[in-house]
Structures are given as structure tokens and as C-alpha cells.
Amino acid sequence: VRLYRGKGVSGLVDFAGREPLKHLTMWIETRSADGATQATPAQVTIDKGRFRMDLPAPGTYSFRFDAENFEPQRVANVYVPPRTYADLGRVLIRTGSGAAGTLIDAKTAAPVAGATVELQPSGVSEFRELRYRKAIRAITNADGEFIVSGATEGSYLLRVQTSAYPMWFKPLSLSAEEIRQFGQIAIGEGIDVSGQVVSRAGVAQPSLQVRFFDEAAESATPLKETTSANNGNFGGVRLPAGRYIVRVSSDRLLLSQPFEISDGERQKTLDLEIPAVRVTGMIRHGGKPVSGGTLSIVEQLDPSERQGKIILHGGGIA
């Protein structure tokens, strides 16, 4: 049995002068002959800043280093020969962008500990980070303080969640290496939102998804979501005062409409009516009918209508 030396990459990770972490996630990106890319995550052990990772085969790779509370760093187009460990040299990982503040109770001004603070990418940033599934979050300490970092430049939704209070959120745009200071963030009791989903004929609509988004609806992740019961009723949603969009869907979008919760409201009731509109027509080109095409209807409140949309079809999967 003849054993050959393996192949892979090695190098030194510099955490911008901070104490080196013991582990991080390295995404291994490969490109096939048809130009398609694939990203596979691997857990890498860091020993005094140095790392070494095996690869399945020789070839050209790109790597993305993901460490908690640090901005991702990418090293592109590295050729790894057979039976060789390519040296990536010194990889500098910076703190990146983020937000900081103190969470307090709106009535008592007492600090709120144990709350989850998360930066969710939105708009173009959401599309860019989609494949990596990285969560950028922190937990408030005993004094209600938090620092959440590790984001790249772009648009985000800052979300604060805790079981004792309704969700607090704030859209924001971060520049490179910016830590946005929010000072004190006061969260209150919030308003209970409930209602019923019916058809235009007044028939209750069960088992439908009812999702709530901020007014801009720049993030595909809802602030809250629930399901309509057999009688069409839904509830268990608490939101602070503000402007929102509620969307009702099954296997497709059925309804999307804005609504507002005013300061001082004790409860918000939404009567959601599913419209029964059918659209028919014919597509012609040069006077001749066109078959085999795809017709898409985009809601006015869909931010992708303003930002541009890419629809991919292949192998029967959209």
C-alpha cells in the first residue's frame, strides 16, 4: 500500500489583534465546468492562530472565513496542486459593521437581560448572504447592553426578540467598519393583533399562513407569522406601534395589504378578505400566439418590483 501526502490549505488567521478563536467556519467554493458554483461549509480548528485543512481533490478553490462576531473574509482563486498544502499566508479578519446599545423597559427603565439582538440582511445584502446562512446575533447582558458585529457593508434589519416583550426592529444601512450606536432602546408591552381570514363570499379560510412584515418589506423573513384556524381566526401576535404589511398565502400569495397600529391602541383586529379575481388573456408576438412562456404577477407592495427581480426556471423547479 503506497501512501501519498494529502492536499489542502494552511495559513495564519489574524483576528485584528484580538484573542484568536479556537474554531471558525470555512466555506469551500468550487466551480464546475458549466460555470455553476457550490459552497460547502467545514469546521476548522485554530491553534495559536494557525490552521490546516484537507481538501478532497487538487484544483482551484475559493475560501470564505466565517467567525462569530467578525466580518467574513474571502480568499479567491487558489490553485492547490496534488500532494501539496497551499499556504494562504496571513488572513486578516476584522470586526466589521454592526450595532450597539442598551435595552431597557419602557415603563420602569430597568435593563432587559437575555434578549436576542440580530442583524438580518435585507435587499441586495440578503441575496448576497443567502447561500452562507450566517446568523449575526448577540445576547444582552445583565445591564441590557449588547454589541452585535460581523456584518459587511449593506442594508439590514436590526431585530430585538425576548419572550416577555414584543419584537422591536429598525431598518438601517451600515457602511464599512461602522458600529451604529443606538443608546437606550425602550421596549414596551406592544399590541395584540388578531383577526379572521375569509373569502369574498364570507367563507372562513383555514390553514393559511399569515405573515407580518415591516412597512418597507425589504426582508424576506417575516417579523411574526401564524396560521389561520379552522374558523379562519388567527392571533398570538404582538407588535409595537407602527406601519406594517400583512401577507396571506398557501402555496402562493393570496393577499397583501398594509395596515397601521397607532400609539395607544390596546388591540388590533384585522378582517382579511381573500379576493376572487381571475386574470385571463392571450400573449401574441407579431400577431401569432406564443406558447410555453411564463407569466408572473407581481404585487405592488413587493420590494422586488422596485429593486428588480430574477426568476430562474430549470428542470421544472422555479
C-alpha atoms as a PDB file:
ATOM      1  CA  VAL A   1       0.000   0.000   0.000  1.00  0.00           C
ATOM      2  CA  ARG A   2       1.633   3.204  -1.130  1.00  0.00           C
ATOM      3  CA  LEU A   3       0.509   6.295   0.799  1.00  0.00           C
ATOM      4  CA  TYR A   4       0.854   9.740  -0.711  1.00  0.00           C
ATOM      5  CA  ARG A   5       0.866  13.070   1.055  1.00  0.00           C
ATOM      6  CA  GLY A   6      -2.539  14.744   1.205  1.00  0.00           C
ATOM      7  CA  LYS A   7      -3.586  18.052  -0.314  1.00  0.00           C
ATOM      8  CA  GLY A   8      -5.175  21.076   1.270  1.00  0.00           C
ATOM      9  CA  VAL A   9      -4.547  24.599   2.521  1.00  0.00           C
ATOM     10  CA  SER A  10      -2.908  26.126   5.570  1.00  0.00           C
ATOM     11  CA  GLY A  11      -2.249  29.604   6.881  1.00  0.00           C
ATOM     12  CA  LEU A  12      -2.409  32.100   9.731  1.00  0.00           C
ATOM     13  CA  VAL A  13      -5.628  33.807  10.843  1.00  0.00           C
ATOM     14  CA  ASP A  14      -5.173  37.283  12.310  1.00  0.00           C
ATOM     15  CA  PHE A  15      -8.226  38.428  14.311  1.00  0.00           C
ATOM     16  CA  ALA A  16      -7.237  42.103  14.058  1.00  0.00           C
ATOM     17  CA  GLY A  17      -5.230  41.984  17.292  1.00  0.00           C
ATOM     18  CA  ARG A  18      -7.988  40.298  19.314  1.00  0.00           C
ATOM     19  CA  GLU A  19      -7.666  36.941  21.064  1.00  0.00           C
ATOM     20  CA  PRO A  20      -7.695  34.172  18.414  1.00  0.00           C
ATOM     21  CA  LEU A  21     -10.759  31.938  18.322  1.00  0.00           C
ATOM     22  CA  LYS A  22     -10.358  28.178  18.560  1.00  0.00           C
ATOM     23  CA  HIS A  23     -12.793  27.379  15.757  1.00  0.00           C
ATOM     24  CA  LEU A  24     -14.320  29.008  12.687  1.00  0.00           C
ATOM     25  CA  THR A  25     -16.331  28.018   9.626  1.00  0.00           C
ATOM     26  CA  MET A  26     -14.545  27.910   6.283  1.00  0.00           C
ATOM     27  CA  TRP A  27     -16.731  27.799   3.179  1.00  0.00           C
ATOM     28  CA  ILE A  28     -15.092  25.896   0.321  1.00  0.00           C
ATOM     29  CA  GLU A  29     -16.256  27.254  -3.035  1.00  0.00           C
ATOM     30  CA  THR A  30     -15.780  25.284  -6.244  1.00  0.00           C
ATOM     31  CA  ARG A  31     -16.809  25.976  -9.828  1.00  0.00           C
ATOM     32  CA  SER A  32     -17.916  23.284 -12.272  1.00  0.00           C
ATOM     33  CA  ALA A  33     -17.198  23.211 -15.997  1.00  0.00           C
ATOM     34  CA  ASP A  34     -20.576  24.792 -16.798  1.00  0.00           C
ATOM     35  CA  GLY A  35     -19.812  27.765 -14.530  1.00  0.00           C
ATOM     36  CA  ALA A  36     -22.036  26.761 -11.609  1.00  0.00           C
ATOM     37  CA  THR A  37     -20.617  27.380  -8.123  1.00  0.00           C
ATOM     38  CA  GLN A  38     -21.063  25.311  -4.980  1.00  0.00           C
ATOM     39  CA  ALA A  39     -20.215  26.349  -1.412  1.00  0.00           C
ATOM     40  CA  THR A  40     -19.636  23.703   1.278  1.00  0.00           C
ATOM     41  CA  PRO A  41     -19.022  24.592   4.956  1.00  0.00           C
ATOM     42  CA  ALA A  42     -16.276  22.965   7.033  1.00  0.00           C
ATOM     43  CA  GLN A  43     -15.335  23.468  10.678  1.00  0.00           C
ATOM     44  CA  VAL A  44     -11.678  24.428  11.085  1.00  0.00           C
ATOM     45  CA  THR A  45      -9.635  24.236  14.299  1.00  0.00           C
ATOM     46  CA  ILE A  46      -7.368  27.196  15.052  1.00  0.00           C
ATOM     47  CA  ASP A  47      -4.171  26.519  17.029  1.00  0.00           C
ATOM     48  CA  LYS A  48      -2.448  29.758  18.113  1.00  0.00           C
ATOM     49  CA  GLY A  49      -3.798  31.431  15.013  1.00  0.00           C
ATOM     50  CA  ARG A  50      -2.709  28.729  12.564  1.00  0.00           C
ATOM     51  CA  PHE A  51      -4.950  26.313  10.675  1.00  0.00           C
ATOM     52  CA  ARG A  52      -4.636  23.381   8.301  1.00  0.00           C
ATOM     53  CA  MET A  53      -7.465  21.829   6.293  1.00  0.00           C
ATOM     54  CA  ASP A  54      -7.619  18.876   3.915  1.00  0.00           C
ATOM     55  CA  LEU A  55      -9.310  19.093   0.518  1.00  0.00           C
ATOM     56  CA  PRO A  56     -10.930  16.257  -1.441  1.00  0.00           C
ATOM     57  CA  ALA A  57      -9.009  16.787  -4.684  1.00  0.00           C
ATOM     58  CA  PRO A  58      -6.483  19.068  -6.371  1.00  0.00           C
ATOM     59  CA  GLY A  59      -7.935  22.060  -8.175  1.00  0.00           C
ATOM     60  CA  THR A  60      -8.794  25.745  -7.953  1.00  0.00           C
ATOM     61  CA  TYR A  61     -10.770  26.851  -4.900  1.00  0.00           C
ATOM     62  CA  SER A  62     -12.086  29.998  -3.238  1.00  0.00           C
ATOM     63  CA  PHE A  63     -12.472  30.204   0.540  1.00  0.00           C
ATOM     64  CA  ARG A  64     -14.645  32.280   2.853  1.00  0.00           C
ATOM     65  CA  PHE A  65     -13.708  32.546   6.539  1.00  0.00           C
ATOM     66  CA  ASP A  66     -16.711  32.978   8.870  1.00  0.00           C
ATOM     67  CA  ALA A  67     -16.026  33.621  12.565  1.00  0.00           C
ATOM     68  CA  GLU A  68     -18.594  34.672  15.153  1.00  0.00           C
ATOM     69  CA  ASN A  69     -18.718  38.488  15.630  1.00  0.00           C
ATOM     70  CA  PHE A  70     -16.212  39.027  12.785  1.00  0.00           C
ATOM     71  CA  GLU A  71     -16.715  40.159   9.204  1.00  0.00           C
ATOM     72  CA  PRO A  72     -16.360  37.349   6.627  1.00  0.00           C
ATOM     73  CA  GLN A  73     -13.104  37.320   4.680  1.00  0.00           C
ATOM     74  CA  ARG A  74     -12.769  35.741   1.230  1.00  0.00           C
ATOM     75  CA  VAL A  75      -9.653  34.377  -0.480  1.00  0.00           C
ATOM     76  CA  ALA A  76     -10.354  33.699  -4.160  1.00  0.00           C
ATOM     77  CA  ASN A  77      -8.888  31.506  -6.904  1.00  0.00           C
ATOM     78  CA  VAL A  78      -6.292  29.445  -5.038  1.00  0.00           C
ATOM     79  CA  TYR A  79      -4.776  26.567  -7.018  1.00  0.00           C
ATOM     80  CA  VAL A  80      -3.975  23.501  -4.920  1.00  0.00           C
ATOM     81  CA  PRO A  81      -1.602  21.043  -6.706  1.00  0.00           C
ATOM     82  CA  PRO A  82      -1.599  17.294  -5.995  1.00  0.00           C
ATOM     83  CA  ARG A  83       0.080  16.218  -2.720  1.00  0.00           C
ATOM     84  CA  THR A  84       0.536  19.860  -1.686  1.00  0.00           C
ATOM     85  CA  TYR A  85      -0.746  22.095   1.100  1.00  0.00           C
ATOM     86  CA  ALA A  86      -1.102  25.552  -0.416  1.00  0.00           C
ATOM     87  CA  ASP A  87      -0.191  28.343   2.010  1.00  0.00           C
ATOM     88  CA  LEU A  88      -2.823  31.092   2.139  1.00  0.00           C
ATOM     89  CA  GLY A  89      -0.488  33.257   4.191  1.00  0.00           C
ATOM     90  CA  ARG A  90      -1.945  35.727   6.708  1.00  0.00           C
ATOM     91  CA  VAL A  91      -5.729  36.087   6.568  1.00  0.00           C
ATOM     92  CA  LEU A  92      -6.910  39.256   8.333  1.00  0.00           C
ATOM     93  CA  ILE A  93     -10.421  39.042   9.811  1.00  0.00           C
ATOM     94  CA  ARG A  94     -11.882  42.340  11.024  1.00  0.00           C
ATOM     95  CA  THR A  95     -14.736  43.091  13.403  1.00  0.00           C
ATOM     96  CA  GLY A  96     -16.795  44.523  10.554  1.00  0.00           C
ATOM     97  CA  SER A  97     -20.013  46.511  10.857  1.00  0.00           C
ATOM     98  CA  GLY A  98     -22.731  46.196  13.477  1.00  0.00           C
ATOM     99  CA  ALA A  99     -24.792  47.894  16.160  1.00  0.00           C
ATOM    100  CA  ALA A 100     -24.550  48.593  19.885  1.00  0.00           C
ATOM    101  CA  GLY A 101     -26.947  49.822  22.539  1.00  0.00           C
ATOM    102  CA  THR A 102     -28.747  49.172  25.811  1.00  0.00           C
ATOM    103  CA  LEU A 103     -32.168  47.545  26.063  1.00  0.00           C
ATOM    104  CA  ILE A 104     -34.495  48.893  28.792  1.00  0.00           C
ATOM    105  CA  ASP A 105     -38.114  48.512  29.877  1.00  0.00           C
ATOM    106  CA  ALA A 106     -40.220  51.432  28.575  1.00  0.00           C
ATOM    107  CA  LYS A 107     -42.137  51.783  31.876  1.00  0.00           C
ATOM    108  CA  THR A 108     -39.563  51.044  34.567  1.00  0.00           C
ATOM    109  CA  ALA A 109     -36.318  51.866  32.695  1.00  0.00           C
ATOM    110  CA  ALA A 110     -34.914  48.605  34.094  1.00  0.00           C
ATOM    111  CA  PRO A 111     -32.355  46.813  31.882  1.00  0.00           C
ATOM    112  CA  VAL A 112     -33.667  43.894  29.837  1.00  0.00           C
ATOM    113  CA  ALA A 113     -31.241  40.971  30.005  1.00  0.00           C
ATOM    114  CA  GLY A 114     -31.189  37.813  27.899  1.00  0.00           C
ATOM    115  CA  ALA A 115     -32.789  39.339  24.794  1.00  0.00           C
ATOM    116  CA  THR A 116     -31.635  38.213  21.341  1.00  0.00           C
ATOM    117  CA  VAL A 117     -30.383  41.002  19.084  1.00  0.00           C
ATOM    118  CA  GLU A 118     -29.950  40.035  15.440  1.00  0.00           C
ATOM    119  CA  LEU A 119     -28.856  41.752  12.241  1.00  0.00           C
ATOM    120  CA  GLN A 120     -30.791  40.287   9.308  1.00  0.00           C
ATOM    121  CA  PRO A 121     -29.613  41.158   5.794  1.00  0.00           C
ATOM    122  CA  SER A 122     -32.239  42.828   3.609  1.00  0.00           C
ATOM    123  CA  GLY A 123     -32.467  43.896  -0.014  1.00  0.00           C
ATOM    124  CA  VAL A 124     -29.319  43.171  -2.010  1.00  0.00           C
ATOM    125  CA  SER A 125     -27.473  42.179   1.197  1.00  0.00           C
ATOM    126  CA  GLU A 126     -29.988  39.374   1.772  1.00  0.00           C
ATOM    127  CA  PHE A 127     -29.420  37.969  -1.703  1.00  0.00           C
ATOM    128  CA  ARG A 128     -25.637  38.208  -1.293  1.00  0.00           C
ATOM    129  CA  GLU A 129     -25.609  36.301   2.002  1.00  0.00           C
ATOM    130  CA  LEU A 130     -28.299  33.760   1.079  1.00  0.00           C
ATOM    131  CA  ARG A 131     -26.046  30.773   0.446  1.00  0.00           C
ATOM    132  CA  TYR A 132     -23.976  31.147   3.625  1.00  0.00           C
ATOM    133  CA  ARG A 133     -26.817  31.106   6.207  1.00  0.00           C
ATOM    134  CA  LYS A 134     -24.765  33.058   8.738  1.00  0.00           C
ATOM    135  CA  ALA A 135     -26.590  34.380  11.809  1.00  0.00           C
ATOM    136  CA  ILE A 136     -25.301  37.713  13.151  1.00  0.00           C
ATOM    137  CA  ARG A 137     -26.655  37.944  16.678  1.00  0.00           C
ATOM    138  CA  ALA A 138     -25.820  38.724  20.291  1.00  0.00           C
ATOM    139  CA  ILE A 139     -27.471  38.405  23.714  1.00  0.00           C
ATOM    140  CA  THR A 140     -27.996  41.389  26.033  1.00  0.00           C
ATOM    141  CA  ASN A 141     -26.019  41.141  29.301  1.00  0.00           C
ATOM    142  CA  ALA A 142     -27.250  41.762  32.847  1.00  0.00           C
ATOM    143  CA  ASP A 143     -27.150  45.519  32.226  1.00  0.00           C
ATOM    144  CA  GLY A 144     -29.137  45.204  28.983  1.00  0.00           C
ATOM    145  CA  GLU A 145     -26.083  46.058  26.882  1.00  0.00           C
ATOM    146  CA  PHE A 146     -25.291  44.471  23.519  1.00  0.00           C
ATOM    147  CA  ILE A 147     -22.797  44.699  20.689  1.00  0.00           C
ATOM    148  CA  VAL A 148     -23.644  42.734  17.556  1.00  0.00           C
ATOM    149  CA  SER A 149     -20.952  42.767  14.868  1.00  0.00           C
ATOM    150  CA  GLY A 150     -19.587  40.785  11.946  1.00  0.00           C
ATOM    151  CA  ALA A 151     -21.701  42.304   9.171  1.00  0.00           C
ATOM    152  CA  THR A 152     -20.460  43.578   5.830  1.00  0.00           C
ATOM    153  CA  GLU A 153     -21.443  46.916   4.323  1.00  0.00           C
ATOM    154  CA  GLY A 154     -25.114  46.923   3.293  1.00  0.00           C
ATOM    155  CA  SER A 155     -28.776  47.075   4.389  1.00  0.00           C
ATOM    156  CA  TYR A 156     -30.043  45.241   7.467  1.00  0.00           C
ATOM    157  CA  LEU A 157     -32.991  44.866   9.804  1.00  0.00           C
ATOM    158  CA  LEU A 158     -31.997  45.092  13.469  1.00  0.00           C
ATOM    159  CA  ARG A 159     -34.373  42.810  15.407  1.00  0.00           C
ATOM    160  CA  VAL A 160     -34.694  42.519  19.182  1.00  0.00           C
ATOM    161  CA  GLN A 161     -36.604  39.491  20.483  1.00  0.00           C
ATOM    162  CA  THR A 162     -37.451  38.363  24.015  1.00  0.00           C
ATOM    163  CA  SER A 163     -40.325  36.281  25.382  1.00  0.00           C
ATOM    164  CA  ALA A 164     -41.540  38.989  27.774  1.00  0.00           C
ATOM    165  CA  TYR A 165     -41.832  41.791  25.191  1.00  0.00           C
ATOM    166  CA  PRO A 166     -42.993  42.222  21.582  1.00  0.00           C
ATOM    167  CA  MET A 167     -40.377  42.368  18.866  1.00  0.00           C
ATOM    168  CA  TRP A 168     -38.555  45.659  18.319  1.00  0.00           C
ATOM    169  CA  PHE A 169     -37.000  46.307  14.917  1.00  0.00           C
ATOM    170  CA  LYS A 170     -35.227  49.034  12.998  1.00  0.00           C
ATOM    171  CA  PRO A 171     -34.133  49.111   9.323  1.00  0.00           C
ATOM    172  CA  LEU A 172     -30.626  50.503   8.876  1.00  0.00           C
ATOM    173  CA  SER A 173     -27.817  50.824   6.351  1.00  0.00           C
ATOM    174  CA  LEU A 174     -24.266  50.173   7.537  1.00  0.00           C
ATOM    175  CA  SER A 175     -21.080  51.433   5.944  1.00  0.00           C
ATOM    176  CA  ALA A 176     -17.807  49.503   6.115  1.00  0.00           C
ATOM    177  CA  GLU A 177     -16.466  49.034   9.669  1.00  0.00           C
ATOM    178  CA  GLU A 178     -19.363  51.046  11.151  1.00  0.00           C
ATOM    179  CA  ILE A 179     -20.749  50.178  14.603  1.00  0.00           C
ATOM    180  CA  ARG A 180     -24.056  52.095  14.840  1.00  0.00           C
ATOM    181  CA  GLN A 181     -24.672  53.414  18.357  1.00  0.00           C
ATOM    182  CA  PHE A 182     -28.350  53.270  19.374  1.00  0.00           C
ATOM    183  CA  GLY A 183     -28.012  54.329  23.000  1.00  0.00           C
ATOM    184  CA  GLN A 184     -31.037  53.237  25.045  1.00  0.00           C
ATOM    185  CA  ILE A 185     -33.749  51.241  23.275  1.00  0.00           C
ATOM    186  CA  ALA A 186     -37.023  51.228  25.218  1.00  0.00           C
ATOM    187  CA  ILE A 187     -39.391  48.331  24.560  1.00  0.00           C
ATOM    188  CA  GLY A 188     -42.951  48.137  25.874  1.00  0.00           C
ATOM    189  CA  GLU A 189     -45.845  45.743  26.091  1.00  0.00           C
ATOM    190  CA  GLY A 190     -46.942  46.002  22.471  1.00  0.00           C
ATOM    191  CA  ILE A 191     -50.378  45.456  20.948  1.00  0.00           C
ATOM    192  CA  ASP A 192     -52.127  42.138  20.363  1.00  0.00           C
ATOM    193  CA  VAL A 193     -53.015  41.580  16.698  1.00  0.00           C
ATOM    194  CA  SER A 194     -55.748  39.103  15.770  1.00  0.00           C
ATOM    195  CA  GLY A 195     -58.400  38.661  13.101  1.00  0.00           C
ATOM    196  CA  GLN A 196     -60.045  36.349  10.611  1.00  0.00           C
ATOM    197  CA  VAL A 197     -59.331  35.284   7.036  1.00  0.00           C
ATOM    198  CA  VAL A 198     -62.379  34.826   4.817  1.00  0.00           C
ATOM    199  CA  SER A 199     -63.162  34.571   1.121  1.00  0.00           C
ATOM    200  CA  ARG A 200     -65.103  37.256  -0.724  1.00  0.00           C
ATOM    201  CA  ALA A 201     -68.222  35.156  -0.095  1.00  0.00           C
ATOM    202  CA  GLY A 202     -67.534  35.266   3.662  1.00  0.00           C
ATOM    203  CA  VAL A 203     -66.371  31.638   3.978  1.00  0.00           C
ATOM    204  CA  ALA A 204     -63.675  31.056   6.622  1.00  0.00           C
ATOM    205  CA  GLN A 205     -60.254  30.154   5.173  1.00  0.00           C
ATOM    206  CA  PRO A 206     -58.315  27.680   7.375  1.00  0.00           C
ATOM    207  CA  SER A 207     -54.648  26.583   7.348  1.00  0.00           C
ATOM    208  CA  LEU A 208     -53.331  29.710   5.627  1.00  0.00           C
ATOM    209  CA  GLN A 209     -50.045  31.380   6.530  1.00  0.00           C
ATOM    210  CA  VAL A 210     -50.458  34.890   7.921  1.00  0.00           C
ATOM    211  CA  ARG A 211     -47.153  36.777   7.925  1.00  0.00           C
ATOM    212  CA  PHE A 212     -46.303  40.264   9.126  1.00  0.00           C
ATOM    213  CA  PHE A 213     -43.557  42.448   7.628  1.00  0.00           C
ATOM    214  CA  ASP A 214     -42.300  45.962   8.261  1.00  0.00           C
ATOM    215  CA  GLU A 215     -43.657  48.687   6.001  1.00  0.00           C
ATOM    216  CA  ALA A 216     -40.698  48.575   3.606  1.00  0.00           C
ATOM    217  CA  ALA A 217     -40.844  44.747   3.468  1.00  0.00           C
ATOM    218  CA  GLU A 218     -37.192  44.687   2.414  1.00  0.00           C
ATOM    219  CA  SER A 219     -36.521  41.413   4.237  1.00  0.00           C
ATOM    220  CA  ALA A 220     -37.997  38.093   3.129  1.00  0.00           C
ATOM    221  CA  THR A 221     -38.050  36.990   6.783  1.00  0.00           C
ATOM    222  CA  PRO A 222     -41.334  37.962   8.493  1.00  0.00           C
ATOM    223  CA  LEU A 223     -41.406  39.793  11.808  1.00  0.00           C
ATOM    224  CA  LYS A 224     -44.147  37.454  13.007  1.00  0.00           C
ATOM    225  CA  GLU A 225     -46.121  34.627  11.460  1.00  0.00           C
ATOM    226  CA  THR A 226     -49.055  32.427  12.389  1.00  0.00           C
ATOM    227  CA  THR A 227     -51.636  30.088  10.775  1.00  0.00           C
ATOM    228  CA  SER A 228     -55.381  30.568  10.461  1.00  0.00           C
ATOM    229  CA  ALA A 229     -57.509  28.066  12.393  1.00  0.00           C
ATOM    230  CA  ASN A 230     -60.469  26.027  11.076  1.00  0.00           C
ATOM    231  CA  ASN A 231     -62.761  29.032  11.612  1.00  0.00           C
ATOM    232  CA  GLY A 232     -60.302  31.326   9.822  1.00  0.00           C
ATOM    233  CA  ASN A 233     -59.255  33.061  13.037  1.00  0.00           C
ATOM    234  CA  PHE A 234     -55.660  33.876  13.907  1.00  0.00           C
ATOM    235  CA  GLY A 235     -53.936  35.501  16.881  1.00  0.00           C
ATOM    236  CA  GLY A 236     -50.995  35.236  19.242  1.00  0.00           C
ATOM    237  CA  VAL A 237     -49.183  38.102  17.508  1.00  0.00           C
ATOM    238  CA  ARG A 238     -47.827  41.111  19.408  1.00  0.00           C
ATOM    239  CA  LEU A 239     -46.321  44.108  17.632  1.00  0.00           C
ATOM    240  CA  PRO A 240     -45.301  47.632  18.648  1.00  0.00           C
ATOM    241  CA  ALA A 241     -46.996  50.685  17.131  1.00  0.00           C
ATOM    242  CA  GLY A 242     -46.014  51.313  13.526  1.00  0.00           C
ATOM    243  CA  ARG A 243     -46.790  50.596   9.873  1.00  0.00           C
ATOM    244  CA  TYR A 244     -46.817  47.006   8.578  1.00  0.00           C
ATOM    245  CA  ILE A 245     -47.730  44.738   5.693  1.00  0.00           C
ATOM    246  CA  VAL A 246     -49.717  41.541   6.279  1.00  0.00           C
ATOM    247  CA  ARG A 247     -49.492  38.759   3.711  1.00  0.00           C
ATOM    248  CA  VAL A 248     -51.721  35.682   3.459  1.00  0.00           C
ATOM    249  CA  SER A 249     -50.533  32.715   1.429  1.00  0.00           C
ATOM    250  CA  SER A 250     -50.945  28.992   0.825  1.00  0.00           C
ATOM    251  CA  ASP A 251     -48.801  27.573  -1.962  1.00  0.00           C
ATOM    252  CA  ARG A 252     -48.956  31.060  -3.483  1.00  0.00           C
ATOM    253  CA  LEU A 253     -49.585  34.607  -2.321  1.00  0.00           C
ATOM    254  CA  LEU A 254     -53.309  35.286  -1.833  1.00  0.00           C
ATOM    255  CA  LEU A 255     -53.388  38.720  -0.211  1.00  0.00           C
ATOM    256  CA  SER A 256     -51.011  41.531   0.674  1.00  0.00           C
ATOM    257  CA  GLN A 257     -52.178  44.744   2.308  1.00  0.00           C
ATOM    258  CA  PRO A 258     -50.754  47.479   4.548  1.00  0.00           C
ATOM    259  CA  PHE A 259     -52.085  48.395   7.980  1.00  0.00           C
ATOM    260  CA  GLU A 260     -51.090  50.634  10.856  1.00  0.00           C
ATOM    261  CA  ILE A 261     -51.008  50.236  14.637  1.00  0.00           C
ATOM    262  CA  SER A 262     -51.431  53.604  16.343  1.00  0.00           C
ATOM    263  CA  ASP A 263     -49.949  54.614  19.682  1.00  0.00           C
ATOM    264  CA  GLY A 264     -52.432  53.957  22.476  1.00  0.00           C
ATOM    265  CA  GLU A 265     -54.286  51.093  20.765  1.00  0.00           C
ATOM    266  CA  ARG A 266     -54.925  48.199  23.129  1.00  0.00           C
ATOM    267  CA  GLN A 267     -55.777  45.651  20.438  1.00  0.00           C
ATOM    268  CA  LYS A 268     -55.724  45.485  16.644  1.00  0.00           C
ATOM    269  CA  THR A 269     -58.296  43.430  14.750  1.00  0.00           C
ATOM    270  CA  LEU A 270     -57.746  42.649  11.070  1.00  0.00           C
ATOM    271  CA  ASP A 271     -60.523  41.343   8.805  1.00  0.00           C
ATOM    272  CA  LEU A 272     -58.690  39.872   5.843  1.00  0.00           C
ATOM    273  CA  GLU A 273     -60.724  39.103   2.730  1.00  0.00           C
ATOM    274  CA  ILE A 274     -59.191  36.944   0.004  1.00  0.00           C
ATOM    275  CA  PRO A 275     -60.126  38.470  -3.370  1.00  0.00           C
ATOM    276  CA  ALA A 276     -61.604  36.208  -6.050  1.00  0.00           C
ATOM    277  CA  VAL A 277     -60.121  37.777  -9.173  1.00  0.00           C
ATOM    278  CA  ARG A 278     -59.213  35.742 -12.243  1.00  0.00           C
ATOM    279  CA  VAL A 279     -56.978  37.188 -14.946  1.00  0.00           C
ATOM    280  CA  THR A 280     -57.189  35.779 -18.484  1.00  0.00           C
ATOM    281  CA  GLY A 281     -55.744  36.866 -21.796  1.00  0.00           C
ATOM    282  CA  MET A 282     -53.517  35.900 -24.702  1.00  0.00           C
ATOM    283  CA  ILE A 283     -49.852  36.600 -25.431  1.00  0.00           C
ATOM    284  CA  ARG A 284     -49.036  37.359 -29.062  1.00  0.00           C
ATOM    285  CA  HIS A 285     -45.850  38.168 -30.917  1.00  0.00           C
ATOM    286  CA  GLY A 286     -46.164  39.539 -34.426  1.00  0.00           C
ATOM    287  CA  GLY A 287     -49.858  38.671 -34.327  1.00  0.00           C
ATOM    288  CA  LYS A 288     -49.205  34.997 -33.569  1.00  0.00           C
ATOM    289  CA  PRO A 289     -49.989  33.284 -30.210  1.00  0.00           C
ATOM    290  CA  VAL A 290     -46.949  32.490 -28.058  1.00  0.00           C
ATOM    291  CA  SER A 291     -46.916  29.197 -26.114  1.00  0.00           C
ATOM    292  CA  GLY A 292     -44.605  27.800 -23.441  1.00  0.00           C
ATOM    293  CA  GLY A 293     -43.895  31.128 -21.762  1.00  0.00           C
ATOM    294  CA  THR A 294     -44.140  32.115 -18.113  1.00  0.00           C
ATOM    295  CA  LEU A 295     -46.481  34.852 -16.885  1.00  0.00           C
ATOM    296  CA  SER A 296     -45.750  36.341 -13.451  1.00  0.00           C
ATOM    297  CA  ILE A 297     -47.986  38.725 -11.493  1.00  0.00           C
ATOM    298  CA  VAL A 298     -46.081  40.868  -9.007  1.00  0.00           C
ATOM    299  CA  GLU A 299     -47.829  42.639  -6.124  1.00  0.00           C
ATOM    300  CA  GLN A 300     -47.406  46.404  -5.839  1.00  0.00           C
ATOM    301  CA  LEU A 301     -46.079  46.049  -2.282  1.00  0.00           C
ATOM    302  CA  ASP A 302     -43.354  43.604  -3.335  1.00  0.00           C
ATOM    303  CA  PRO A 303     -39.998  45.422  -2.919  1.00  0.00           C
ATOM    304  CA  SER A 304     -38.542  43.318  -5.718  1.00  0.00           C
ATOM    305  CA  GLU A 305     -40.767  45.239  -8.134  1.00  0.00           C
ATOM    306  CA  ARG A 306     -38.793  48.349  -7.229  1.00  0.00           C
ATOM    307  CA  GLN A 307     -35.407  46.653  -6.953  1.00  0.00           C
ATOM    308  CA  GLY A 308     -35.630  44.265  -9.908  1.00  0.00           C
ATOM    309  CA  LYS A 309     -36.387  40.552  -9.860  1.00  0.00           C
ATOM    310  CA  ILE A 310     -34.641  37.491 -11.272  1.00  0.00           C
ATOM    311  CA  ILE A 311     -36.836  34.429 -11.866  1.00  0.00           C
ATOM    312  CA  LEU A 312     -34.935  31.236 -12.661  1.00  0.00           C
ATOM    313  CA  HIS A 313     -36.645  28.215 -14.243  1.00  0.00           C
ATOM    314  CA  GLY A 314     -34.945  24.891 -14.822  1.00  0.00           C
ATOM    315  CA  GLY A 315     -35.812  21.222 -14.525  1.00  0.00           C
ATOM    316  CA  GLY A 316     -39.374  22.055 -13.517  1.00  0.00           C
ATOM    317  CA  ILE A 317     -38.186  23.934 -10.421  1.00  0.00           C
ATOM    318  CA  ALA A 318     -38.630  27.718 -10.120  1.00  0.00           C
END
